[in-house]
Amino acid sequence: IAGLCIVALIAGSQIHKHYNEFYTTHFFNGTVINGEDASKKTVEEVKDDIKLNVSHYALKIKELDRNEKITAQDVGLEYVDDGKIDELMEEQEEGKWFLHLSGTTEFDVNAGTKYNEEKVTETIAGLECFKEENVTKPQNATLRDENNVFSIQDEVEGNEVNLEKFTAAVKEALDKGGTSIDIVKNDCYNHPTI
């Protein structure tokens, strides 16, 4: 029995040592980063997953009369390694691997990204909502005189997008990883003044 206990103790010690070493470079079982399973993945594998997710990014734009989208490729959006995934690994206490055999631990890490300003400008200019044939300019209410009978002709709201407000909304979404903007709710349209 004493020999069996010694064998079990040595085997247990070897198993613990193995997992200690493994979890110095791999995330614990049940680790979820930005909604993606990172269990038993290395830092580089997690970064590759983030790069892939960023490459599939799309910003949906809800307009008055249509929907459009801007993709990562349209604006040159790409992942920038800011060291946050490395920090998560450094904070992981590999000696406590046995506490993570079940359950999940979730982390939300804002993935650093960058985009090409020129491509953003070009992409915005090419959207359907900026094409002349699709734009109705706002018109102020006017006073009409028909044989000394005066009436007010109502204003026309139109659908002309305010380029400055719209560009700011798009860049804010890109910076924060937002996946949709509603340009009516964000008040990105030009309005009549009267």
N, C-alpha and C. Protein backbone atom coordinates (compact mmCIF):
# COMPACT_ATOMS: atom_id res chain seq x y z
N ILE A 1 0.84 -1.19 0.00
CA ILE A 1 0.00 0.00 0.00
C ILE A 1 0.88 1.25 0.00
N ALA A 2 1.96 1.22 0.78
CA ALA A 2 2.86 2.38 0.84
C ALA A 2 3.45 2.65 -0.54
N GLY A 3 3.81 1.57 -1.26
CA GLY A 3 4.37 1.73 -2.60
C GLY A 3 3.34 2.32 -3.56
N LEU A 4 2.09 1.89 -3.43
CA LEU A 4 1.01 2.40 -4.27
C LEU A 4 0.78 3.89 -4.00
N CYS A 5 0.85 4.27 -2.73
CA CYS A 5 0.68 5.68 -2.37
C CYS A 5 1.82 6.52 -2.95
N ILE A 6 3.04 5.99 -2.93
CA ILE A 6 4.19 6.72 -3.47
C ILE A 6 4.03 6.88 -4.98
N VAL A 7 3.59 5.83 -5.67
CA VAL A 7 3.37 5.89 -7.11
C VAL A 7 2.29 6.93 -7.43
N ALA A 8 1.19 6.92 -6.66
CA ALA A 8 0.10 7.87 -6.88
C ALA A 8 0.58 9.29 -6.61
N LEU A 9 1.39 9.49 -5.59
CA LEU A 9 1.92 10.81 -5.25
C LEU A 9 2.84 11.33 -6.36
N ILE A 10 3.71 10.46 -6.87
CA ILE A 10 4.62 10.83 -7.95
C ILE A 10 3.83 11.16 -9.22
N ALA A 11 2.84 10.32 -9.55
CA ALA A 11 2.01 10.55 -10.74
C ALA A 11 1.24 11.86 -10.61
N GLY A 12 0.67 12.09 -9.44
CA GLY A 12 -0.06 13.34 -9.20
C GLY A 12 0.85 14.55 -9.31
N SER A 13 2.05 14.42 -8.81
CA SER A 13 3.03 15.50 -8.87
C SER A 13 3.42 15.78 -10.32
N GLN A 14 3.60 14.74 -11.12
CA GLN A 14 3.96 14.90 -12.53
C GLN A 14 2.81 15.54 -13.32
N ILE A 15 1.59 15.12 -13.02
CA ILE A 15 0.42 15.71 -13.70
C ILE A 15 0.32 17.19 -13.37
N HIS A 16 0.48 17.53 -12.09
CA HIS A 16 0.41 18.94 -11.67
C HIS A 16 1.52 19.75 -12.35
N LYS A 17 2.72 19.20 -12.40
CA LYS A 17 3.85 19.88 -13.03
C LYS A 17 3.57 20.11 -14.52
N HIS A 18 3.05 19.07 -15.18
CA HIS A 18 2.73 19.17 -16.61
C HIS A 18 1.74 20.31 -16.86
N TYR A 19 0.64 20.34 -16.11
CA TYR A 19 -0.38 21.37 -16.32
C TYR A 19 0.11 22.75 -15.90
N ASN A 20 0.94 22.84 -14.89
CA ASN A 20 1.55 24.13 -14.53
C ASN A 20 2.32 24.69 -15.73
N GLU A 21 3.12 23.84 -16.35
CA GLU A 21 3.91 24.26 -17.51
C GLU A 21 3.00 24.61 -18.69
N PHE A 22 2.00 23.78 -18.93
CA PHE A 22 1.09 24.00 -20.05
C PHE A 22 0.37 25.34 -19.91
N TYR A 23 -0.12 25.65 -18.71
CA TYR A 23 -0.91 26.86 -18.51
C TYR A 23 -0.07 28.11 -18.29
N THR A 24 1.25 28.00 -18.45
CA THR A 24 2.06 29.23 -18.50
C THR A 24 1.97 29.85 -19.89
N THR A 25 1.58 29.05 -20.88
CA THR A 25 1.48 29.55 -22.26
C THR A 25 0.10 29.35 -22.89
N HIS A 26 -0.82 28.75 -22.17
CA HIS A 26 -2.17 28.49 -22.68
C HIS A 26 -3.21 28.99 -21.68
N PHE A 27 -4.33 29.47 -22.21
CA PHE A 27 -5.40 29.92 -21.33
C PHE A 27 -6.11 28.72 -20.70
N PHE A 28 -6.61 28.94 -19.49
CA PHE A 28 -7.32 27.89 -18.76
C PHE A 28 -8.53 27.41 -19.55
N ASN A 29 -8.93 26.19 -19.27
CA ASN A 29 -10.17 25.64 -19.78
C ASN A 29 -11.31 26.56 -19.32
N GLY A 30 -12.24 26.86 -20.20
CA GLY A 30 -13.38 27.70 -19.84
C GLY A 30 -13.12 29.20 -19.97
N THR A 31 -11.97 29.58 -20.52
CA THR A 31 -11.69 31.00 -20.72
C THR A 31 -12.39 31.48 -21.99
N VAL A 32 -13.12 32.59 -21.86
CA VAL A 32 -13.84 33.18 -22.99
C VAL A 32 -13.38 34.63 -23.10
N ILE A 33 -12.87 35.01 -24.27
CA ILE A 33 -12.40 36.38 -24.50
C ILE A 33 -13.20 36.98 -25.64
N ASN A 34 -13.88 38.08 -25.33
CA ASN A 34 -14.74 38.77 -26.31
C ASN A 34 -15.76 37.82 -26.94
N GLY A 35 -16.30 36.94 -26.11
CA GLY A 35 -17.33 36.01 -26.58
C GLY A 35 -16.81 34.80 -27.32
N GLU A 36 -15.50 34.69 -27.48
CA GLU A 36 -14.90 33.56 -28.20
C GLU A 36 -14.19 32.63 -27.22
N ASP A 37 -14.36 31.34 -27.43
CA ASP A 37 -13.71 30.34 -26.58
C ASP A 37 -12.19 30.40 -26.77
N ALA A 38 -11.48 30.66 -25.67
CA ALA A 38 -10.01 30.72 -25.71
C ALA A 38 -9.39 29.56 -24.94
N SER A 39 -10.20 28.59 -24.56
CA SER A 39 -9.72 27.45 -23.78
C SER A 39 -8.53 26.77 -24.44
N LYS A 40 -7.48 26.62 -23.67
CA LYS A 40 -6.27 25.90 -24.08
C LYS A 40 -5.60 26.50 -25.31
N LYS A 41 -5.89 27.76 -25.61
CA LYS A 41 -5.24 28.43 -26.73
C LYS A 41 -4.09 29.29 -26.22
N THR A 42 -3.10 29.47 -27.07
CA THR A 42 -1.98 30.34 -26.74
C THR A 42 -2.38 31.79 -27.00
N VAL A 43 -1.56 32.71 -26.54
CA VAL A 43 -1.80 34.12 -26.79
C VAL A 43 -1.86 34.39 -28.30
N GLU A 44 -0.94 33.80 -29.04
CA GLU A 44 -0.91 34.02 -30.49
C GLU A 44 -2.17 33.48 -31.17
N GLU A 45 -2.66 32.34 -30.71
CA GLU A 45 -3.88 31.78 -31.30
C GLU A 45 -5.07 32.70 -31.04
N VAL A 46 -5.15 33.26 -29.83
CA VAL A 46 -6.24 34.19 -29.50
C VAL A 46 -6.12 35.45 -30.36
N LYS A 47 -4.90 35.96 -30.51
CA LYS A 47 -4.70 37.15 -31.36
C LYS A 47 -5.10 36.86 -32.80
N ASP A 48 -4.79 35.67 -33.29
CA ASP A 48 -5.19 35.29 -34.65
C ASP A 48 -6.71 35.27 -34.78
N ASP A 49 -7.40 34.78 -33.74
CA ASP A 49 -8.86 34.78 -33.74
C ASP A 49 -9.41 36.20 -33.80
N ILE A 50 -8.79 37.10 -33.03
CA ILE A 50 -9.23 38.50 -33.02
C ILE A 50 -9.00 39.13 -34.39
N LYS A 51 -7.84 38.86 -35.00
CA LYS A 51 -7.55 39.39 -36.34
C LYS A 51 -8.62 38.92 -37.33
N LEU A 52 -8.98 37.65 -37.24
CA LEU A 52 -10.00 37.10 -38.13
C LEU A 52 -11.34 37.79 -37.91
N ASN A 53 -11.71 38.00 -36.64
CA ASN A 53 -12.98 38.67 -36.33
C ASN A 53 -12.98 40.10 -36.85
N VAL A 54 -11.86 40.80 -36.68
CA VAL A 54 -11.76 42.17 -37.18
C VAL A 54 -11.88 42.19 -38.71
N SER A 55 -11.29 41.21 -39.37
CA SER A 55 -11.37 41.17 -40.84
C SER A 55 -12.79 40.94 -41.34
N HIS A 56 -13.67 40.38 -40.50
CA HIS A 56 -15.07 40.14 -40.87
C HIS A 56 -15.99 41.26 -40.39
N TYR A 57 -15.42 42.31 -39.82
CA TYR A 57 -16.21 43.42 -39.29
C TYR A 57 -17.03 44.09 -40.38
N ALA A 58 -18.25 44.47 -40.03
CA ALA A 58 -19.11 45.25 -40.93
C ALA A 58 -19.91 46.23 -40.09
N LEU A 59 -19.98 47.46 -40.54
CA LEU A 59 -20.78 48.50 -39.90
C LEU A 59 -22.05 48.68 -40.72
N LYS A 60 -23.19 48.36 -40.11
CA LYS A 60 -24.48 48.50 -40.81
C LYS A 60 -24.98 49.93 -40.59
N ILE A 61 -25.43 50.53 -41.67
CA ILE A 61 -25.90 51.91 -41.63
C ILE A 61 -27.38 51.93 -41.99
N LYS A 62 -28.20 52.35 -41.03
CA LYS A 62 -29.65 52.44 -41.24
C LYS A 62 -29.97 53.88 -41.62
N GLU A 63 -30.51 54.03 -42.81
CA GLU A 63 -30.87 55.35 -43.33
C GLU A 63 -32.38 55.47 -43.40
N LEU A 64 -32.85 56.63 -43.81
CA LEU A 64 -34.29 56.85 -43.94
C LEU A 64 -34.93 55.85 -44.89
N ASP A 65 -34.30 55.65 -46.05
CA ASP A 65 -34.94 54.86 -47.10
C ASP A 65 -34.12 53.70 -47.62
N ARG A 66 -33.05 53.34 -46.90
CA ARG A 66 -32.24 52.18 -47.32
C ARG A 66 -31.29 51.82 -46.19
N ASN A 67 -30.65 50.68 -46.36
CA ASN A 67 -29.59 50.24 -45.45
C ASN A 67 -28.33 50.01 -46.27
N GLU A 68 -27.20 50.37 -45.71
CA GLU A 68 -25.92 50.16 -46.38
C GLU A 68 -24.96 49.59 -45.36
N LYS A 69 -23.76 49.24 -45.81
CA LYS A 69 -22.76 48.77 -44.85
C LYS A 69 -21.36 49.16 -45.30
N ILE A 70 -20.49 49.25 -44.32
CA ILE A 70 -19.08 49.53 -44.54
C ILE A 70 -18.33 48.35 -43.94
N THR A 71 -17.45 47.73 -44.71
CA THR A 71 -16.71 46.56 -44.23
C THR A 71 -15.29 46.93 -43.82
N ALA A 72 -14.65 46.02 -43.12
CA ALA A 72 -13.25 46.21 -42.72
C ALA A 72 -12.37 46.46 -43.93
N GLN A 73 -12.62 45.75 -45.00
CA GLN A 73 -11.82 45.90 -46.22
C GLN A 73 -12.03 47.28 -46.84
N ASP A 74 -13.25 47.80 -46.76
CA ASP A 74 -13.55 49.12 -47.34
C ASP A 74 -12.67 50.21 -46.74
N VAL A 75 -12.42 50.12 -45.44
CA VAL A 75 -11.72 51.20 -44.74
C VAL A 75 -10.33 50.80 -44.25
N GLY A 76 -9.87 49.61 -44.62
CA GLY A 76 -8.54 49.16 -44.20
C GLY A 76 -8.46 48.91 -42.70
N LEU A 77 -9.55 48.45 -42.11
CA LEU A 77 -9.57 48.19 -40.66
C LEU A 77 -8.76 46.95 -40.35
N GLU A 78 -7.87 47.07 -39.36
CA GLU A 78 -7.07 45.91 -38.96
C GLU A 78 -6.77 45.96 -37.46
N TYR A 79 -6.48 44.79 -36.92
CA TYR A 79 -6.16 44.63 -35.50
C TYR A 79 -4.79 45.20 -35.20
N VAL A 80 -4.70 45.90 -34.08
CA VAL A 80 -3.43 46.43 -33.59
C VAL A 80 -3.20 45.78 -32.22
N ASP A 81 -2.11 45.04 -32.12
CA ASP A 81 -1.79 44.36 -30.86
C ASP A 81 -1.37 45.40 -29.82
N ASP A 82 -2.23 45.56 -28.81
CA ASP A 82 -1.95 46.53 -27.76
C ASP A 82 -1.46 45.87 -26.46
N GLY A 83 -1.20 44.58 -26.52
CA GLY A 83 -0.66 43.86 -25.37
C GLY A 83 -1.68 43.40 -24.34
N LYS A 84 -2.97 43.65 -24.57
CA LYS A 84 -3.99 43.29 -23.58
C LYS A 84 -4.16 41.77 -23.44
N ILE A 85 -4.01 41.05 -24.52
CA ILE A 85 -4.12 39.58 -24.45
C ILE A 85 -2.92 39.03 -23.68
N ASP A 86 -1.75 39.60 -23.93
CA ASP A 86 -0.55 39.20 -23.18
C ASP A 86 -0.74 39.45 -21.69
N GLU A 87 -1.35 40.59 -21.35
CA GLU A 87 -1.61 40.92 -19.94
C GLU A 87 -2.52 39.89 -19.29
N LEU A 88 -3.55 39.46 -20.02
CA LEU A 88 -4.45 38.43 -19.47
C LEU A 88 -3.68 37.15 -19.14
N MET A 89 -2.77 36.77 -20.04
CA MET A 89 -1.97 35.56 -19.79
C MET A 89 -1.05 35.77 -18.59
N GLU A 90 -0.44 36.94 -18.48
CA GLU A 90 0.46 37.22 -17.36
C GLU A 90 -0.28 37.21 -16.02
N GLU A 91 -1.54 37.63 -16.02
CA GLU A 91 -2.34 37.65 -14.80
C GLU A 91 -2.85 36.26 -14.41
N GLN A 92 -2.83 35.33 -15.34
CA GLN A 92 -3.31 33.98 -15.07
C GLN A 92 -2.33 33.27 -14.14
N GLU A 93 -2.83 32.71 -13.08
CA GLU A 93 -1.99 31.99 -12.12
C GLU A 93 -2.02 30.50 -12.47
N GLU A 94 -1.00 30.08 -13.22
CA GLU A 94 -1.00 28.71 -13.77
C GLU A 94 -1.08 27.63 -12.70
N GLY A 95 -0.63 27.91 -11.50
CA GLY A 95 -0.68 26.92 -10.42
C GLY A 95 -2.11 26.61 -9.96
N LYS A 96 -3.06 27.43 -10.39
CA LYS A 96 -4.46 27.23 -9.97
C LYS A 96 -5.29 26.62 -11.11
N TRP A 97 -4.63 25.92 -12.01
CA TRP A 97 -5.32 25.33 -13.16
C TRP A 97 -6.45 24.41 -12.75
N PHE A 98 -6.27 23.72 -11.62
CA PHE A 98 -7.27 22.73 -11.18
C PHE A 98 -8.57 23.39 -10.75
N LEU A 99 -8.55 24.69 -10.48
CA LEU A 99 -9.77 25.42 -10.12
C LEU A 99 -10.60 25.78 -11.36
N HIS A 100 -10.03 25.55 -12.53
CA HIS A 100 -10.69 25.93 -13.77
C HIS A 100 -11.05 24.73 -14.64
N LEU A 101 -11.26 23.58 -14.01
CA LEU A 101 -11.63 22.39 -14.76
C LEU A 101 -13.07 22.47 -15.28
N SER A 102 -13.90 23.27 -14.62
CA SER A 102 -15.27 23.46 -15.09
C SER A 102 -15.65 24.92 -14.92
N GLY A 103 -16.72 25.30 -15.55
CA GLY A 103 -17.16 26.69 -15.49
C GLY A 103 -16.46 27.54 -16.53
N THR A 104 -16.83 28.82 -16.57
CA THR A 104 -16.20 29.73 -17.53
C THR A 104 -15.77 31.01 -16.83
N THR A 105 -14.75 31.61 -17.38
CA THR A 105 -14.30 32.92 -16.96
C THR A 105 -14.28 33.78 -18.21
N GLU A 106 -15.06 34.87 -18.17
CA GLU A 106 -15.20 35.70 -19.36
C GLU A 106 -14.46 37.02 -19.21
N PHE A 107 -13.84 37.45 -20.30
CA PHE A 107 -13.13 38.71 -20.36
C PHE A 107 -13.61 39.47 -21.59
N ASP A 108 -13.84 40.75 -21.43
CA ASP A 108 -14.12 41.63 -22.57
C ASP A 108 -12.93 42.55 -22.73
N VAL A 109 -12.25 42.41 -23.83
CA VAL A 109 -11.06 43.20 -24.12
C VAL A 109 -11.34 44.00 -25.38
N ASN A 110 -11.23 45.31 -25.28
CA ASN A 110 -11.44 46.16 -26.45
C ASN A 110 -10.27 45.94 -27.40
N ALA A 111 -10.53 45.27 -28.50
CA ALA A 111 -9.47 44.97 -29.46
C ALA A 111 -9.01 46.26 -30.12
N GLY A 112 -7.72 46.55 -30.02
CA GLY A 112 -7.18 47.74 -30.65
C GLY A 112 -7.24 47.59 -32.17
N THR A 113 -7.71 48.64 -32.82
CA THR A 113 -7.80 48.61 -34.28
C THR A 113 -7.31 49.94 -34.84
N LYS A 114 -7.01 49.90 -36.12
CA LYS A 114 -6.71 51.13 -36.85
C LYS A 114 -7.36 51.02 -38.22
N TYR A 115 -7.59 52.17 -38.83
CA TYR A 115 -8.18 52.19 -40.17
C TYR A 115 -7.52 53.31 -40.96
N ASN A 116 -7.71 53.26 -42.27
CA ASN A 116 -7.13 54.22 -43.18
C ASN A 116 -8.11 55.38 -43.38
N GLU A 117 -7.72 56.58 -42.91
CA GLU A 117 -8.59 57.77 -42.99
C GLU A 117 -9.02 58.06 -44.44
N GLU A 118 -8.08 57.93 -45.38
CA GLU A 118 -8.40 58.18 -46.79
C GLU A 118 -9.48 57.22 -47.30
N LYS A 119 -9.32 55.96 -46.93
CA LYS A 119 -10.31 54.96 -47.37
C LYS A 119 -11.67 55.22 -46.73
N VAL A 120 -11.67 55.70 -45.49
CA VAL A 120 -12.95 56.05 -44.84
C VAL A 120 -13.63 57.15 -45.66
N THR A 121 -12.88 58.19 -46.00
CA THR A 121 -13.43 59.30 -46.78
C THR A 121 -13.95 58.83 -48.13
N GLU A 122 -13.17 57.99 -48.82
CA GLU A 122 -13.58 57.47 -50.14
C GLU A 122 -14.82 56.59 -50.03
N THR A 123 -14.83 55.74 -49.01
CA THR A 123 -15.97 54.82 -48.84
C THR A 123 -17.24 55.58 -48.55
N ILE A 124 -17.16 56.57 -47.67
CA ILE A 124 -18.34 57.38 -47.35
C ILE A 124 -18.84 58.09 -48.60
N ALA A 125 -17.94 58.68 -49.36
CA ALA A 125 -18.33 59.40 -50.57
C ALA A 125 -19.02 58.48 -51.58
N GLY A 126 -18.69 57.20 -51.57
CA GLY A 126 -19.27 56.26 -52.52
C GLY A 126 -20.58 55.63 -52.08
N LEU A 127 -21.05 55.96 -50.89
CA LEU A 127 -22.32 55.38 -50.42
C LEU A 127 -23.50 55.93 -51.23
N GLU A 128 -24.52 55.11 -51.33
CA GLU A 128 -25.73 55.49 -52.08
C GLU A 128 -26.36 56.78 -51.53
N CYS A 129 -26.29 56.98 -50.24
CA CYS A 129 -26.95 58.14 -49.63
C CYS A 129 -26.28 59.46 -50.02
N PHE A 130 -25.09 59.41 -50.63
CA PHE A 130 -24.42 60.63 -51.07
C PHE A 130 -24.47 60.82 -52.59
N LYS A 131 -25.04 59.88 -53.30
CA LYS A 131 -25.15 60.01 -54.75
C LYS A 131 -26.27 61.01 -55.08
N GLU A 132 -25.95 61.93 -55.95
CA GLU A 132 -26.84 63.05 -56.27
C GLU A 132 -28.26 62.59 -56.63
N GLU A 133 -28.35 61.51 -57.40
CA GLU A 133 -29.68 61.05 -57.83
C GLU A 133 -30.52 60.50 -56.68
N ASN A 134 -29.90 60.24 -55.54
CA ASN A 134 -30.63 59.70 -54.39
C ASN A 134 -30.93 60.76 -53.33
N VAL A 135 -30.50 61.99 -53.57
CA VAL A 135 -30.60 63.03 -52.54
C VAL A 135 -31.72 64.01 -52.84
N THR A 136 -32.57 64.22 -51.84
CA THR A 136 -33.56 65.29 -51.88
C THR A 136 -33.13 66.31 -50.84
N LYS A 137 -32.79 67.51 -51.29
CA LYS A 137 -32.31 68.55 -50.38
C LYS A 137 -33.49 69.09 -49.56
N PRO A 138 -33.21 69.48 -48.31
CA PRO A 138 -34.29 70.08 -47.51
C PRO A 138 -34.64 71.46 -48.07
N GLN A 139 -35.90 71.83 -47.94
CA GLN A 139 -36.35 73.15 -48.39
C GLN A 139 -37.14 73.80 -47.27
N ASN A 140 -36.88 75.07 -47.07
CA ASN A 140 -37.60 75.83 -46.04
C ASN A 140 -39.05 76.05 -46.44
N ALA A 141 -39.88 76.26 -45.45
CA ALA A 141 -41.26 76.66 -45.71
C ALA A 141 -41.23 78.02 -46.40
N THR A 142 -42.17 78.25 -47.30
CA THR A 142 -42.20 79.52 -48.03
C THR A 142 -43.59 80.11 -48.00
N LEU A 143 -43.62 81.41 -48.16
CA LEU A 143 -44.88 82.12 -48.24
C LEU A 143 -45.25 82.23 -49.72
N ARG A 144 -46.45 81.79 -50.05
CA ARG A 144 -46.90 81.83 -51.44
C ARG A 144 -47.97 82.91 -51.59
N ASP A 145 -47.86 83.60 -52.69
CA ASP A 145 -48.84 84.65 -53.00
C ASP A 145 -49.52 84.29 -54.31
N GLU A 146 -50.80 83.95 -54.21
CA GLU A 146 -51.58 83.65 -55.41
C GLU A 146 -52.75 84.64 -55.46
N ASN A 147 -52.58 85.67 -56.29
CA ASN A 147 -53.62 86.71 -56.44
C ASN A 147 -54.00 87.33 -55.10
N ASN A 148 -52.99 87.74 -54.37
CA ASN A 148 -53.15 88.37 -53.06
C ASN A 148 -53.76 87.44 -52.01
N VAL A 149 -53.74 86.15 -52.26
CA VAL A 149 -54.14 85.16 -51.25
C VAL A 149 -52.85 84.47 -50.83
N PHE A 150 -52.51 84.69 -49.56
CA PHE A 150 -51.23 84.18 -49.07
C PHE A 150 -51.43 82.83 -48.36
N SER A 151 -50.48 81.96 -48.61
CA SER A 151 -50.50 80.66 -47.93
C SER A 151 -49.06 80.23 -47.66
N ILE A 152 -48.93 79.33 -46.75
CA ILE A 152 -47.59 78.82 -46.42
C ILE A 152 -47.42 77.45 -47.06
N GLN A 153 -46.35 77.36 -47.83
CA GLN A 153 -46.02 76.05 -48.41
C GLN A 153 -45.10 75.37 -47.41
N ASP A 154 -45.47 74.17 -47.01
CA ASP A 154 -44.69 73.44 -46.00
C ASP A 154 -43.26 73.20 -46.44
N GLU A 155 -42.41 73.06 -45.43
CA GLU A 155 -41.00 72.72 -45.70
C GLU A 155 -40.90 71.29 -46.21
N VAL A 156 -39.77 71.01 -46.83
CA VAL A 156 -39.47 69.65 -47.29
C VAL A 156 -38.27 69.17 -46.47
N GLU A 157 -38.47 68.09 -45.73
CA GLU A 157 -37.37 67.55 -44.89
C GLU A 157 -36.22 67.05 -45.75
N GLY A 158 -36.53 66.33 -46.78
CA GLY A 158 -35.49 65.78 -47.64
C GLY A 158 -34.74 64.63 -46.96
N ASN A 159 -33.69 64.19 -47.63
CA ASN A 159 -32.88 63.08 -47.09
C ASN A 159 -31.39 63.35 -47.28
N GLU A 160 -31.02 64.62 -47.33
CA GLU A 160 -29.62 64.99 -47.53
C GLU A 160 -28.83 64.74 -46.23
N VAL A 161 -27.82 63.92 -46.34
CA VAL A 161 -27.01 63.55 -45.17
C VAL A 161 -25.97 64.64 -44.92
N ASN A 162 -25.80 64.99 -43.65
CA ASN A 162 -24.78 65.96 -43.24
C ASN A 162 -23.45 65.21 -43.17
N LEU A 163 -22.56 65.50 -44.11
CA LEU A 163 -21.30 64.76 -44.24
C LEU A 163 -20.47 64.80 -42.96
N GLU A 164 -20.38 65.96 -42.35
CA GLU A 164 -19.56 66.10 -41.14
C GLU A 164 -20.10 65.24 -39.98
N LYS A 165 -21.40 65.33 -39.73
CA LYS A 165 -22.00 64.53 -38.65
C LYS A 165 -21.90 63.03 -38.94
N PHE A 166 -22.16 62.68 -40.21
CA PHE A 166 -22.13 61.28 -40.60
C PHE A 166 -20.73 60.70 -40.46
N THR A 167 -19.73 61.42 -40.93
CA THR A 167 -18.34 60.96 -40.84
C THR A 167 -17.94 60.78 -39.38
N ALA A 168 -18.33 61.71 -38.52
CA ALA A 168 -18.02 61.60 -37.09
C ALA A 168 -18.68 60.35 -36.50
N ALA A 169 -19.93 60.07 -36.89
CA ALA A 169 -20.63 58.89 -36.38
C ALA A 169 -19.96 57.60 -36.85
N VAL A 170 -19.54 57.57 -38.11
CA VAL A 170 -18.86 56.38 -38.65
C VAL A 170 -17.54 56.16 -37.93
N LYS A 171 -16.75 57.21 -37.76
CA LYS A 171 -15.45 57.07 -37.09
C LYS A 171 -15.61 56.66 -35.63
N GLU A 172 -16.62 57.19 -34.97
CA GLU A 172 -16.87 56.79 -33.58
C GLU A 172 -17.21 55.30 -33.52
N ALA A 173 -18.05 54.83 -34.44
CA ALA A 173 -18.40 53.40 -34.48
C ALA A 173 -17.16 52.56 -34.77
N LEU A 174 -16.33 52.98 -35.72
CA LEU A 174 -15.11 52.23 -36.03
C LEU A 174 -14.17 52.19 -34.83
N ASP A 175 -14.03 53.32 -34.14
CA ASP A 175 -13.14 53.39 -32.98
C ASP A 175 -13.60 52.50 -31.83
N LYS A 176 -14.92 52.40 -31.66
CA LYS A 176 -15.47 51.65 -30.53
C LYS A 176 -15.89 50.22 -30.90
N GLY A 177 -15.74 49.86 -32.17
CA GLY A 177 -16.15 48.52 -32.59
C GLY A 177 -17.65 48.37 -32.73
N GLY A 178 -18.36 49.50 -32.87
CA GLY A 178 -19.81 49.45 -33.05
C GLY A 178 -20.16 48.75 -34.35
N THR A 179 -21.27 48.06 -34.36
CA THR A 179 -21.65 47.29 -35.55
C THR A 179 -22.82 47.90 -36.32
N SER A 180 -23.42 48.97 -35.78
CA SER A 180 -24.51 49.62 -36.52
C SER A 180 -24.67 51.07 -36.06
N ILE A 181 -25.11 51.88 -37.01
CA ILE A 181 -25.51 53.24 -36.67
C ILE A 181 -26.81 53.54 -37.39
N ASP A 182 -27.65 54.29 -36.72
CA ASP A 182 -28.92 54.73 -37.28
C ASP A 182 -28.77 56.23 -37.50
N ILE A 183 -28.67 56.65 -38.75
CA ILE A 183 -28.36 58.06 -38.99
C ILE A 183 -29.57 58.97 -38.77
N VAL A 184 -30.76 58.39 -38.62
CA VAL A 184 -31.91 59.19 -38.22
C VAL A 184 -31.78 59.49 -36.73
N LYS A 185 -31.56 58.46 -35.93
CA LYS A 185 -31.41 58.65 -34.47
C LYS A 185 -30.19 59.49 -34.13
N ASN A 186 -29.12 59.36 -34.93
CA ASN A 186 -27.90 60.15 -34.69
C ASN A 186 -28.01 61.56 -35.29
N ASP A 187 -29.16 61.89 -35.87
CA ASP A 187 -29.42 63.20 -36.45
C ASP A 187 -28.33 63.61 -37.44
N CYS A 188 -28.09 62.74 -38.41
CA CYS A 188 -27.06 63.01 -39.42
C CYS A 188 -27.63 63.60 -40.70
N TYR A 189 -28.89 64.05 -40.67
CA TYR A 189 -29.49 64.64 -41.86
C TYR A 189 -29.52 66.16 -41.74
N ASN A 190 -29.44 66.84 -42.88
CA ASN A 190 -29.63 68.28 -42.92
C ASN A 190 -31.13 68.55 -42.85
N HIS A 191 -31.50 69.62 -42.17
CA HIS A 191 -32.93 69.95 -41.96
C HIS A 191 -33.22 71.35 -42.51
N PRO A 192 -34.48 71.60 -42.84
CA PRO A 192 -34.85 72.97 -43.21
C PRO A 192 -34.63 73.88 -41.99
N THR A 193 -34.37 75.14 -42.25
CA THR A 193 -34.15 76.07 -41.13
C THR A 193 -35.41 76.81 -40.72
N ILE A 194 -36.42 76.80 -41.60
CA ILE A 194 -37.68 77.46 -41.28
C ILE A 194 -38.82 76.47 -41.46
